[in-house]
Amino acid sequence: CAASGRTFSSYAMGWFRQAPGKEREFVAAISRSGGTTTYADSVK
């Protein structure tokens, strides 16, 4: 996931997914420093 702008390091980022007929669900997230990550149980 490529970001525009020079303030990328100030953002916390996440990945989500959506299958047909289902709601968008959380997959993984990372803090702006990269030091903290977390995952959905289904992908851990």
PDB file of all heavy atoms in Angstrom:
ATOM      1  N   CYS A   1       0.867  -1.172   0.000  1.00  0.00           N
ATOM      2  CA  CYS A   1       0.000   0.000   0.000  1.00  0.00           C
ATOM      3  C   CYS A   1       0.904   1.222   0.000  1.00  0.00           C
ATOM      4  O   CYS A   1       1.564   1.511   1.004  1.00  0.00           O
ATOM      5  CB  CYS A   1      -0.907  -0.012   1.221  1.00  0.00           C
ATOM      6  SG  CYS A   1      -1.891   1.483   1.425  1.00  0.00           S
ATOM      7  N   ALA A   2       0.944   1.900  -1.127  1.00  0.00           N
ATOM      8  CA  ALA A   2       1.782   3.082  -1.269  1.00  0.00           C
ATOM      9  C   ALA A   2       0.979   4.329  -0.934  1.00  0.00           C
ATOM     10  O   ALA A   2      -0.156   4.488  -1.391  1.00  0.00           O
ATOM     11  CB  ALA A   2       2.321   3.164  -2.685  1.00  0.00           C
ATOM     12  N   ALA A   3       1.583   5.196  -0.155  1.00  0.00           N
ATOM     13  CA  ALA A   3       0.902   6.410   0.277  1.00  0.00           C
ATOM     14  C   ALA A   3       1.513   7.633  -0.388  1.00  0.00           C
ATOM     15  O   ALA A   3       2.706   7.672  -0.675  1.00  0.00           O
ATOM     16  CB  ALA A   3       0.996   6.545   1.792  1.00  0.00           C
ATOM     17  N   SER A   4       0.680   8.603  -0.613  1.00  0.00           N
ATOM     18  CA  SER A   4       1.165   9.894  -1.107  1.00  0.00           C
ATOM     19  C   SER A   4       1.479  10.788   0.079  1.00  0.00           C
ATOM     20  O   SER A   4       1.061  10.530   1.205  1.00  0.00           O
ATOM     21  CB  SER A   4       0.113  10.561  -1.980  1.00  0.00           C
ATOM     22  OG  SER A   4      -1.022  10.883  -1.202  1.00  0.00           O
ATOM     23  N   GLY A   5       2.216  11.833  -0.178  1.00  0.00           N
ATOM     24  CA  GLY A   5       2.457  12.805   0.879  1.00  0.00           C
ATOM     25  C   GLY A   5       3.663  12.478   1.723  1.00  0.00           C
ATOM     26  O   GLY A   5       4.146  11.350   1.758  1.00  0.00           O
ATOM     27  N   ARG A   6       4.133  13.486   2.441  1.00  0.00           N
ATOM     28  CA  ARG A   6       5.347  13.342   3.226  1.00  0.00           C
ATOM     29  C   ARG A   6       5.065  13.135   4.699  1.00  0.00           C
ATOM     30  O   ARG A   6       5.979  13.149   5.505  1.00  0.00           O
ATOM     31  CB  ARG A   6       6.213  14.585   3.042  1.00  0.00           C
ATOM     32  CG  ARG A   6       6.787  14.715   1.645  1.00  0.00           C
ATOM     33  CD  ARG A   6       7.631  15.956   1.512  1.00  0.00           C
ATOM     34  NE  ARG A   6       6.817  17.164   1.484  1.00  0.00           N
ATOM     35  CZ  ARG A   6       7.319  18.383   1.364  1.00  0.00           C
ATOM     36  NH1 ARG A   6       8.608  18.558   1.308  1.00  0.00           N
ATOM     37  NH2 ARG A   6       6.511  19.431   1.323  1.00  0.00           N
ATOM     38  N   THR A   7       3.769  12.914   5.046  1.00  0.00           N
ATOM     39  CA  THR A   7       3.419  12.749   6.451  1.00  0.00           C
ATOM     40  C   THR A   7       3.050  11.310   6.774  1.00  0.00           C
ATOM     41  O   THR A   7       2.385  11.046   7.764  1.00  0.00           O
ATOM     42  CB  THR A   7       2.248  13.676   6.808  1.00  0.00           C
ATOM     43  OG1 THR A   7       1.130  13.360   5.969  1.00  0.00           O
ATOM     44  CG2 THR A   7       2.648  15.123   6.657  1.00  0.00           C
ATOM     45  N   PHE A   8       3.464  10.383   5.942  1.00  0.00           N
ATOM     46  CA  PHE A   8       3.088   8.976   6.116  1.00  0.00           C
ATOM     47  C   PHE A   8       3.454   8.479   7.496  1.00  0.00           C
ATOM     48  O   PHE A   8       2.698   7.723   8.109  1.00  0.00           O
ATOM     49  CB  PHE A   8       3.790   8.139   5.047  1.00  0.00           C
ATOM     50  CG  PHE A   8       3.560   6.661   5.184  1.00  0.00           C
ATOM     51  CD1 PHE A   8       2.335   6.116   4.844  1.00  0.00           C
ATOM     52  CD2 PHE A   8       4.564   5.820   5.644  1.00  0.00           C
ATOM     53  CE1 PHE A   8       2.118   4.748   4.956  1.00  0.00           C
ATOM     54  CE2 PHE A   8       4.354   4.460   5.757  1.00  0.00           C
ATOM     55  CZ  PHE A   8       3.132   3.924   5.415  1.00  0.00           C
ATOM     56  N   SER A   9       4.584   8.878   8.022  1.00  0.00           N
ATOM     57  CA  SER A   9       5.039   8.367   9.314  1.00  0.00           C
ATOM     58  C   SER A   9       4.165   8.835  10.474  1.00  0.00           C
ATOM     59  O   SER A   9       4.304   8.333  11.591  1.00  0.00           O
ATOM     60  CB  SER A   9       6.485   8.782   9.561  1.00  0.00           C
ATOM     61  OG  SER A   9       6.598  10.199   9.577  1.00  0.00           O
ATOM     62  N   SER A  10       3.273   9.754  10.244  1.00  0.00           N
ATOM     63  CA  SER A  10       2.381  10.216  11.301  1.00  0.00           C
ATOM     64  C   SER A  10       1.092   9.406  11.375  1.00  0.00           C
ATOM     65  O   SER A  10       0.294   9.601  12.290  1.00  0.00           O
ATOM     66  CB  SER A  10       2.041  11.693  11.108  1.00  0.00           C
ATOM     67  OG  SER A  10       1.259  11.876   9.943  1.00  0.00           O
ATOM     68  N   TYR A  11       0.896   8.482  10.456  1.00  0.00           N
ATOM     69  CA  TYR A  11      -0.345   7.715  10.390  1.00  0.00           C
ATOM     70  C   TYR A  11      -0.167   6.304  10.936  1.00  0.00           C
ATOM     71  O   TYR A  11       0.826   5.631  10.646  1.00  0.00           O
ATOM     72  CB  TYR A  11      -0.838   7.596   8.950  1.00  0.00           C
ATOM     73  CG  TYR A  11      -1.305   8.909   8.352  1.00  0.00           C
ATOM     74  CD1 TYR A  11      -0.470   9.655   7.533  1.00  0.00           C
ATOM     75  CD2 TYR A  11      -2.577   9.389   8.614  1.00  0.00           C
ATOM     76  CE1 TYR A  11      -0.889  10.852   6.983  1.00  0.00           C
ATOM     77  CE2 TYR A  11      -3.012  10.590   8.067  1.00  0.00           C
ATOM     78  CZ  TYR A  11      -2.162  11.312   7.250  1.00  0.00           C
ATOM     79  OH  TYR A  11      -2.590  12.497   6.713  1.00  0.00           O
ATOM     80  N   ALA A  12      -1.159   5.873  11.691  1.00  0.00           N
ATOM     81  CA  ALA A  12      -1.310   4.454  11.980  1.00  0.00           C
ATOM     82  C   ALA A  12      -2.013   3.821  10.775  1.00  0.00           C
ATOM     83  O   ALA A  12      -2.870   4.450  10.155  1.00  0.00           O
ATOM     84  CB  ALA A  12      -2.123   4.236  13.242  1.00  0.00           C
ATOM     85  N   MET A  13      -1.643   2.585  10.464  1.00  0.00           N
ATOM     86  CA  MET A  13      -2.138   1.942   9.247  1.00  0.00           C
ATOM     87  C   MET A  13      -2.831   0.627   9.573  1.00  0.00           C
ATOM     88  O   MET A  13      -2.507  -0.044  10.561  1.00  0.00           O
ATOM     89  CB  MET A  13      -0.979   1.667   8.296  1.00  0.00           C
ATOM     90  CG  MET A  13      -0.183   2.895   7.889  1.00  0.00           C
ATOM     91  SD  MET A  13      -1.152   4.084   6.953  1.00  0.00           S
ATOM     92  CE  MET A  13      -1.507   3.133   5.472  1.00  0.00           C
ATOM     93  N   GLY A  14      -3.757   0.258   8.705  1.00  0.00           N
ATOM     94  CA  GLY A  14      -4.444  -1.006   8.894  1.00  0.00           C
ATOM     95  C   GLY A  14      -4.766  -1.663   7.567  1.00  0.00           C
ATOM     96  O   GLY A  14      -4.799  -1.006   6.523  1.00  0.00           O
ATOM     97  N   TRP A  15      -4.961  -2.965   7.618  1.00  0.00           N
ATOM     98  CA  TRP A  15      -5.466  -3.741   6.477  1.00  0.00           C
ATOM     99  C   TRP A  15      -6.821  -4.334   6.873  1.00  0.00           C
ATOM    100  O   TRP A  15      -6.978  -4.874   7.984  1.00  0.00           O
ATOM    101  CB  TRP A  15      -4.515  -4.870   6.102  1.00  0.00           C
ATOM    102  CG  TRP A  15      -3.293  -4.434   5.373  1.00  0.00           C
ATOM    103  CD1 TRP A  15      -2.049  -4.193   5.899  1.00  0.00           C
ATOM    104  CD2 TRP A  15      -3.175  -4.194   3.962  1.00  0.00           C
ATOM    105  NE1 TRP A  15      -1.176  -3.825   4.914  1.00  0.00           N
ATOM    106  CE2 TRP A  15      -1.836  -3.817   3.713  1.00  0.00           C
ATOM    107  CE3 TRP A  15      -4.055  -4.271   2.885  1.00  0.00           C
ATOM    108  CZ2 TRP A  15      -1.359  -3.516   2.431  1.00  0.00           C
ATOM    109  CZ3 TRP A  15      -3.594  -3.966   1.618  1.00  0.00           C
ATOM    110  CH2 TRP A  15      -2.265  -3.592   1.394  1.00  0.00           C
ATOM    111  N   PHE A  16      -7.750  -4.246   5.948  1.00  0.00           N
ATOM    112  CA  PHE A  16      -9.073  -4.829   6.109  1.00  0.00           C
ATOM    113  C   PHE A  16      -9.381  -5.647   4.863  1.00  0.00           C
ATOM    114  O   PHE A  16      -8.714  -5.499   3.834  1.00  0.00           O
ATOM    115  CB  PHE A  16     -10.127  -3.726   6.281  1.00  0.00           C
ATOM    116  CG  PHE A  16     -10.024  -2.994   7.586  1.00  0.00           C
ATOM    117  CD1 PHE A  16      -9.040  -2.037   7.795  1.00  0.00           C
ATOM    118  CD2 PHE A  16     -10.908  -3.258   8.616  1.00  0.00           C
ATOM    119  CE1 PHE A  16      -8.930  -1.365   9.003  1.00  0.00           C
ATOM    120  CE2 PHE A  16     -10.818  -2.596   9.825  1.00  0.00           C
ATOM    121  CZ  PHE A  16      -9.824  -1.650  10.018  1.00  0.00           C
ATOM    122  N   ARG A  17     -10.405  -6.472   4.943  1.00  0.00           N
ATOM    123  CA  ARG A  17     -10.834  -7.221   3.769  1.00  0.00           C
ATOM    124  C   ARG A  17     -12.349  -7.355   3.760  1.00  0.00           C
ATOM    125  O   ARG A  17     -13.000  -7.302   4.802  1.00  0.00           O
ATOM    126  CB  ARG A  17     -10.165  -8.595   3.725  1.00  0.00           C
ATOM    127  CG  ARG A  17     -10.580  -9.540   4.841  1.00  0.00           C
ATOM    128  CD  ARG A  17      -9.712 -10.794   4.801  1.00  0.00           C
ATOM    129  NE  ARG A  17     -10.107 -11.753   5.835  1.00  0.00           N
ATOM    130  CZ  ARG A  17      -9.443 -12.864   6.101  1.00  0.00           C
ATOM    131  NH1 ARG A  17      -8.332 -13.169   5.413  1.00  0.00           N
ATOM    132  NH2 ARG A  17      -9.862 -13.686   7.042  1.00  0.00           N
ATOM    133  N   GLN A  18     -12.866  -7.553   2.562  1.00  0.00           N
ATOM    134  CA  GLN A  18     -14.310  -7.707   2.407  1.00  0.00           C
ATOM    135  C   GLN A  18     -14.587  -8.753   1.334  1.00  0.00           C
ATOM    136  O   GLN A  18     -14.185  -8.579   0.175  1.00  0.00           O
ATOM    137  CB  GLN A  18     -14.970  -6.381   2.034  1.00  0.00           C
ATOM    138  CG  GLN A  18     -16.471  -6.428   2.044  1.00  0.00           C
ATOM    139  CD  GLN A  18     -17.092  -5.043   1.990  1.00  0.00           C
ATOM    140  OE1 GLN A  18     -16.451  -4.053   1.642  1.00  0.00           O
ATOM    141  NE2 GLN A  18     -18.361  -4.951   2.365  1.00  0.00           N
ATOM    142  N   ALA A  19     -15.240  -9.813   1.749  1.00  0.00           N
ATOM    143  CA  ALA A  19     -15.658 -10.859   0.829  1.00  0.00           C
ATOM    144  C   ALA A  19     -17.064 -10.548   0.338  1.00  0.00           C
ATOM    145  O   ALA A  19     -17.822  -9.838   1.012  1.00  0.00           O
ATOM    146  CB  ALA A  19     -15.622 -12.212   1.534  1.00  0.00           C
ATOM    147  N   PRO A  20     -17.446 -11.083  -0.813  1.00  0.00           N
ATOM    148  CA  PRO A  20     -18.786 -10.818  -1.344  1.00  0.00           C
ATOM    149  C   PRO A  20     -19.876 -11.195  -0.350  1.00  0.00           C
ATOM    150  O   PRO A  20     -19.859 -12.280   0.223  1.00  0.00           O
ATOM    151  CB  PRO A  20     -18.847 -11.694  -2.589  1.00  0.00           C
ATOM    152  CG  PRO A  20     -17.438 -11.848  -3.015  1.00  0.00           C
ATOM    153  CD  PRO A  20     -16.644 -11.891  -1.751  1.00  0.00           C
ATOM    154  N   GLY A  21     -20.803 -10.276  -0.133  1.00  0.00           N
ATOM    155  CA  GLY A  21     -21.917 -10.544   0.758  1.00  0.00           C
ATOM    156  C   GLY A  21     -21.600 -10.431   2.235  1.00  0.00           C
ATOM    157  O   GLY A  21     -22.458 -10.701   3.074  1.00  0.00           O
ATOM    158  N   LYS A  22     -20.363 -10.031   2.544  1.00  0.00           N
ATOM    159  CA  LYS A  22     -19.966  -9.919   3.955  1.00  0.00           C
ATOM    160  C   LYS A  22     -19.528  -8.496   4.269  1.00  0.00           C
ATOM    161  O   LYS A  22     -19.211  -7.718   3.379  1.00  0.00           O
ATOM    162  CB  LYS A  22     -18.832 -10.894   4.262  1.00  0.00           C
ATOM    163  CG  LYS A  22     -19.229 -12.354   4.139  1.00  0.00           C
ATOM    164  CD  LYS A  22     -18.119 -13.262   4.639  1.00  0.00           C
ATOM    165  CE  LYS A  22     -18.548 -14.721   4.591  1.00  0.00           C
ATOM    166  NZ  LYS A  22     -17.483 -15.619   5.118  1.00  0.00           N
ATOM    167  N   GLU A  23     -19.492  -8.195   5.558  1.00  0.00           N
ATOM    168  CA  GLU A  23     -19.022  -6.892   5.981  1.00  0.00           C
ATOM    169  C   GLU A  23     -17.497  -6.813   5.925  1.00  0.00           C
ATOM    170  O   GLU A  23     -16.806  -7.829   5.985  1.00  0.00           O
ATOM    171  CB  GLU A  23     -19.502  -6.611   7.410  1.00  0.00           C
ATOM    172  CG  GLU A  23     -21.005  -6.434   7.532  1.00  0.00           C
ATOM    173  CD  GLU A  23     -21.424  -5.964   8.906  1.00  0.00           C
ATOM    174  OE1 GLU A  23     -20.563  -5.924   9.806  1.00  0.00           O
ATOM    175  OE2 GLU A  23     -22.603  -5.652   9.081  1.00  0.00           O
ATOM    176  N   ARG A  24     -17.009  -5.588   5.827  1.00  0.00           N
ATOM    177  CA  ARG A  24     -15.568  -5.389   5.851  1.00  0.00           C
ATOM    178  C   ARG A  24     -15.041  -5.766   7.235  1.00  0.00           C
ATOM    179  O   ARG A  24     -15.612  -5.370   8.251  1.00  0.00           O
ATOM    180  CB  ARG A  24     -15.239  -3.933   5.531  1.00  0.00           C
ATOM    181  CG  ARG A  24     -13.795  -3.665   5.225  1.00  0.00           C
ATOM    182  CD  ARG A  24     -13.592  -2.260   4.676  1.00  0.00           C
ATOM    183  NE  ARG A  24     -14.317  -2.066   3.417  1.00  0.00           N
ATOM    184  CZ  ARG A  24     -14.173  -0.990   2.648  1.00  0.00           C
ATOM    185  NH1 ARG A  24     -13.331  -0.027   3.002  1.00  0.00           N
ATOM    186  NH2 ARG A  24     -14.867  -0.874   1.534  1.00  0.00           N
ATOM    187  N   GLU A  25     -13.966  -6.530   7.261  1.00  0.00           N
ATOM    188  CA  GLU A  25     -13.436  -6.998   8.542  1.00  0.00           C
ATOM    189  C   GLU A  25     -11.970  -6.640   8.702  1.00  0.00           C
ATOM    190  O   GLU A  25     -11.216  -6.547   7.732  1.00  0.00           O
ATOM    191  CB  GLU A  25     -13.616  -8.516   8.683  1.00  0.00           C
ATOM    192  CG  GLU A  25     -12.822  -9.350   7.704  1.00  0.00           C
ATOM    193  CD  GLU A  25     -12.920 -10.840   7.999  1.00  0.00           C
ATOM    194  OE1 GLU A  25     -13.675 -11.250   8.898  1.00  0.00           O
ATOM    195  OE2 GLU A  25     -12.210 -11.603   7.303  1.00  0.00           O
ATOM    196  N   PHE A  26     -11.596  -6.490   9.947  1.00  0.00           N
ATOM    197  CA  PHE A  26     -10.224  -6.164  10.308  1.00  0.00           C
ATOM    198  C   PHE A  26      -9.296  -7.343  10.026  1.00  0.00           C
ATOM    199  O   PHE A  26      -9.655  -8.492  10.283  1.00  0.00           O
ATOM    200  CB  PHE A  26     -10.179  -5.806  11.792  1.00  0.00           C
ATOM    201  CG  PHE A  26      -8.800  -5.677  12.363  1.00  0.00           C
ATOM    202  CD1 PHE A  26      -8.027  -4.560  12.093  1.00  0.00           C
ATOM    203  CD2 PHE A  26      -8.269  -6.682  13.150  1.00  0.00           C
ATOM    204  CE1 PHE A  26      -6.755  -4.437  12.624  1.00  0.00           C
ATOM    205  CE2 PHE A  26      -7.002  -6.571  13.681  1.00  0.00           C
ATOM    206  CZ  PHE A  26      -6.247  -5.455  13.412  1.00  0.00           C
ATOM    207  N   VAL A  27      -8.107  -7.033   9.528  1.00  0.00           N
ATOM    208  CA  VAL A  27      -7.090  -8.062   9.282  1.00  0.00           C
ATOM    209  C   VAL A  27      -5.852  -7.820  10.153  1.00  0.00           C
ATOM    210  O   VAL A  27      -5.427  -8.697  10.903  1.00  0.00           O
ATOM    211  CB  VAL A  27      -6.675  -8.091   7.805  1.00  0.00           C
ATOM    212  CG1 VAL A  27      -5.537  -9.080   7.580  1.00  0.00           C
ATOM    213  CG2 VAL A  27      -7.865  -8.445   6.915  1.00  0.00           C
ATOM    214  N   ALA A  28      -5.280  -6.615  10.042  1.00  0.00           N
ATOM    215  CA  ALA A  28      -4.052  -6.327  10.783  1.00  0.00           C
ATOM    216  C   ALA A  28      -3.879  -4.817  10.881  1.00  0.00           C
ATOM    217  O   ALA A  28      -4.424  -4.063  10.067  1.00  0.00           O
ATOM    218  CB  ALA A  28      -2.836  -6.946  10.089  1.00  0.00           C
ATOM    219  N   ALA A  29      -3.108  -4.386  11.877  1.00  0.00           N
ATOM    220  CA  ALA A  29      -2.838  -2.960  12.051  1.00  0.00           C
ATOM    221  C   ALA A  29      -1.435  -2.768  12.586  1.00  0.00           C
ATOM    222  O   ALA A  29      -0.867  -3.661  13.241  1.00  0.00           O
ATOM    223  CB  ALA A  29      -3.862  -2.320  12.985  1.00  0.00           C
ATOM    224  N   ILE A  30      -0.888  -1.583  12.322  1.00  0.00           N
ATOM    225  CA  ILE A  30       0.462  -1.261  12.767  1.00  0.00           C
ATOM    226  C   ILE A  30       0.486   0.200  13.216  1.00  0.00           C
ATOM    227  O   ILE A  30      -0.152   1.062  12.615  1.00  0.00           O
ATOM    228  CB  ILE A  30       1.479  -1.541  11.641  1.00  0.00           C
ATOM    229  CG1 ILE A  30       2.910  -1.418  12.141  1.00  0.00           C
ATOM    230  CG2 ILE A  30       1.232  -0.651  10.426  1.00  0.00           C
ATOM    231  CD1 ILE A  30       3.933  -2.001  11.164  1.00  0.00           C
ATOM    232  N   SER A  31       1.222   0.451  14.287  1.00  0.00           N
ATOM    233  CA  SER A  31       1.329   1.815  14.802  1.00  0.00           C
ATOM    234  C   SER A  31       2.184   2.670  13.885  1.00  0.00           C
ATOM    235  O   SER A  31       2.885   2.163  12.993  1.00  0.00           O
ATOM    236  CB  SER A  31       1.936   1.782  16.201  1.00  0.00           C
ATOM    237  OG  SER A  31       3.236   1.220  16.153  1.00  0.00           O
ATOM    238  N   ARG A  32       2.169   3.962  14.104  1.00  0.00           N
ATOM    239  CA  ARG A  32       2.887   4.849  13.190  1.00  0.00           C
ATOM    240  C   ARG A  32       4.391   4.649  13.271  1.00  0.00           C
ATOM    241  O   ARG A  32       5.105   4.877  12.282  1.00  0.00           O
ATOM    242  CB  ARG A  32       2.512   6.297  13.406  1.00  0.00           C
ATOM    243  CG  ARG A  32       2.839   6.865  14.759  1.00  0.00           C
ATOM    244  CD  ARG A  32       2.273   8.273  14.847  1.00  0.00           C
ATOM    245  NE  ARG A  32       2.459   8.876  16.151  1.00  0.00           N
ATOM    246  CZ  ARG A  32       1.862   9.993  16.532  1.00  0.00           C
ATOM    247  NH1 ARG A  32       1.042  10.623  15.711  1.00  0.00           N
ATOM    248  NH2 ARG A  32       2.078  10.485  17.727  1.00  0.00           N
ATOM    249  N   SER A  33       4.882   4.215  14.417  1.00  0.00           N
ATOM    250  CA  SER A  33       6.316   3.938  14.535  1.00  0.00           C
ATOM    251  C   SER A  33       6.684   2.548  14.035  1.00  0.00           C
ATOM    252  O   SER A  33       7.851   2.252  13.793  1.00  0.00           O
ATOM    253  CB  SER A  33       6.737   4.054  15.992  1.00  0.00           C
ATOM    254  OG  SER A  33       6.150   3.009  16.756  1.00  0.00           O
ATOM    255  N   GLY A  34       5.674   1.692  13.889  1.00  0.00           N
ATOM    256  CA  GLY A  34       5.923   0.310  13.496  1.00  0.00           C
ATOM    257  C   GLY A  34       6.201  -0.609  14.661  1.00  0.00           C
ATOM    258  O   GLY A  34       6.352  -1.820  14.486  1.00  0.00           O
ATOM    259  N   GLY A  35       6.250  -0.062  15.854  1.00  0.00           N
ATOM    260  CA  GLY A  35       6.609  -0.867  17.008  1.00  0.00           C
ATOM    261  C   GLY A  35       5.501  -1.720  17.573  1.00  0.00           C
ATOM    262  O   GLY A  35       5.752  -2.657  18.336  1.00  0.00           O
ATOM    263  N   THR A  36       4.273  -1.423  17.209  1.00  0.00           N
ATOM    264  CA  THR A  36       3.121  -2.186  17.690  1.00  0.00           C
ATOM    265  C   THR A  36       2.340  -2.727  16.506  1.00  0.00           C
ATOM    266  O   THR A  36       2.034  -1.984  15.576  1.00  0.00           O
ATOM    267  CB  THR A  36       2.195  -1.310  18.540  1.00  0.00           C
ATOM    268  OG1 THR A  36       2.929  -0.738  19.616  1.00  0.00           O
ATOM    269  CG2 THR A  36       1.041  -2.139  19.100  1.00  0.00           C
ATOM    270  N   THR A  37       2.045  -4.015  16.550  1.00  0.00           N
ATOM    271  CA  THR A  37       1.216  -4.637  15.522  1.00  0.00           C
ATOM    272  C   THR A  37       0.153  -5.492  16.194  1.00  0.00           C
ATOM    273  O   THR A  37       0.323  -5.935  17.338  1.00  0.00           O
ATOM    274  CB  THR A  37       2.034  -5.527  14.580  1.00  0.00           C
ATOM    275  OG1 THR A  37       2.693  -6.553  15.336  1.00  0.00           O
ATOM    276  CG2 THR A  37       3.085  -4.710  13.817  1.00  0.00           C
ATOM    277  N   THR A  38      -0.932  -5.729  15.485  1.00  0.00           N
ATOM    278  CA  THR A  38      -1.991  -6.590  15.992  1.00  0.00           C
ATOM    279  C   THR A  38      -2.699  -7.238  14.817  1.00  0.00           C
ATOM    280  O   THR A  38      -2.691  -6.683  13.706  1.00  0.00           O
ATOM    281  CB  THR A  38      -2.967  -5.791  16.876  1.00  0.00           C
ATOM    282  OG1 THR A  38      -3.869  -6.690  17.511  1.00  0.00           O
ATOM    283  CG2 THR A  38      -3.738  -4.767  16.062  1.00  0.00           C
ATOM    284  N   TYR A  39      -3.288  -8.406  15.070  1.00  0.00           N
ATOM    285  CA  TYR A  39      -3.865  -9.212  13.996  1.00  0.00           C
ATOM    286  C   TYR A  39      -5.211  -9.790  14.409  1.00  0.00           C
ATOM    287  O   TYR A  39      -5.459 -10.063  15.584  1.00  0.00           O
ATOM    288  CB  TYR A  39      -2.935 -10.377  13.651  1.00  0.00           C
ATOM    289  CG  TYR A  39      -1.576  -9.941  13.182  1.00  0.00           C
ATOM    290  CD1 TYR A  39      -0.533  -9.750  14.078  1.00  0.00           C
ATOM    291  CD2 TYR A  39      -1.336  -9.714  11.829  1.00  0.00           C
ATOM    292  CE1 TYR A  39       0.711  -9.329  13.655  1.00  0.00           C
ATOM    293  CE2 TYR A  39      -0.087  -9.302  11.386  1.00  0.00           C
ATOM    294  CZ  TYR A  39       0.924  -9.106  12.306  1.00  0.00           C
ATOM    295  OH  TYR A  39       2.167  -8.697  11.869  1.00  0.00           O
ATOM    296  N   ALA A  40      -6.044 -10.019  13.412  1.00  0.00           N
ATOM    297  CA  ALA A  40      -7.251 -10.801  13.641  1.00  0.00           C
ATOM    298  C   ALA A  40      -6.846 -12.240  13.949  1.00  0.00           C
ATOM    299  O   ALA A  40      -5.845 -12.738  13.425  1.00  0.00           O
ATOM    300  CB  ALA A  40      -8.142 -10.757  12.402  1.00  0.00           C
ATOM    301  N   ASP A  41      -7.635 -12.896  14.769  1.00  0.00           N
ATOM    302  CA  ASP A  41      -7.313 -14.283  15.136  1.00  0.00           C
ATOM    303  C   ASP A  41      -7.230 -15.187  13.910  1.00  0.00           C
ATOM    304  O   ASP A  41      -6.430 -16.128  13.879  1.00  0.00           O
ATOM    305  CB  ASP A  41      -8.365 -14.823  16.099  1.00  0.00           C
ATOM    306  CG  ASP A  41      -8.249 -14.215  17.488  1.00  0.00           C
ATOM    307  OD1 ASP A  41      -7.187 -13.635  17.805  1.00  0.00           O
ATOM    308  OD2 ASP A  41      -9.235 -14.325  18.247  1.00  0.00           O
ATOM    309  N   SER A  42      -8.035 -14.896  12.905  1.00  0.00           N
ATOM    310  CA  SER A  42      -8.110 -15.760  11.721  1.00  0.00           C
ATOM    311  C   SER A  42      -6.829 -15.742  10.888  1.00  0.00           C
ATOM    312  O   SER A  42      -6.604 -16.637  10.078  1.00  0.00           O
ATOM    313  CB  SER A  42      -9.290 -15.361  10.850  1.00  0.00           C
ATOM    314  OG  SER A  42      -9.170 -14.012  10.442  1.00  0.00           O
ATOM    315  N   VAL A  43      -5.985 -14.716  11.080  1.00  0.00           N
ATOM    316  CA  VAL A  43      -4.766 -14.605  10.266  1.00  0.00           C
ATOM    317  C   VAL A  43      -3.498 -14.663  11.110  1.00  0.00           C
ATOM    318  O   VAL A  43      -2.395 -14.695  10.556  1.00  0.00           O
ATOM    319  CB  VAL A  43      -4.765 -13.319   9.419  1.00  0.00           C
ATOM    320  CG1 VAL A  43      -6.038 -13.214   8.600  1.00  0.00           C
ATOM    321  CG2 VAL A  43      -4.560 -12.079  10.266  1.00  0.00           C
ATOM    322  N   LYS A  44      -3.651 -14.686  12.414  1.00  0.00           N
ATOM    323  CA  LYS A  44      -2.490 -14.676  13.307  1.00  0.00           C
ATOM    324  C   LYS A  44      -1.601 -15.875  13.024  1.00  0.00           C
ATOM    325  O   LYS A  44      -2.072 -17.005  12.907  1.00  0.00           O
ATOM    326  CB  LYS A  44      -2.973 -14.682  14.755  1.00  0.00           C
ATOM    327  CG  LYS A  44      -1.969 -14.176  15.762  1.00  0.00           C
ATOM    328  CD  LYS A  44      -2.624 -14.019  17.129  1.00  0.00           C
ATOM    329  CE  LYS A  44      -3.674 -12.930  17.141  1.00  0.00           C
ATOM    330  NZ  LYS A  44      -4.268 -12.732  18.483  1.00  0.00           N
TER     331      LYS A  44
END
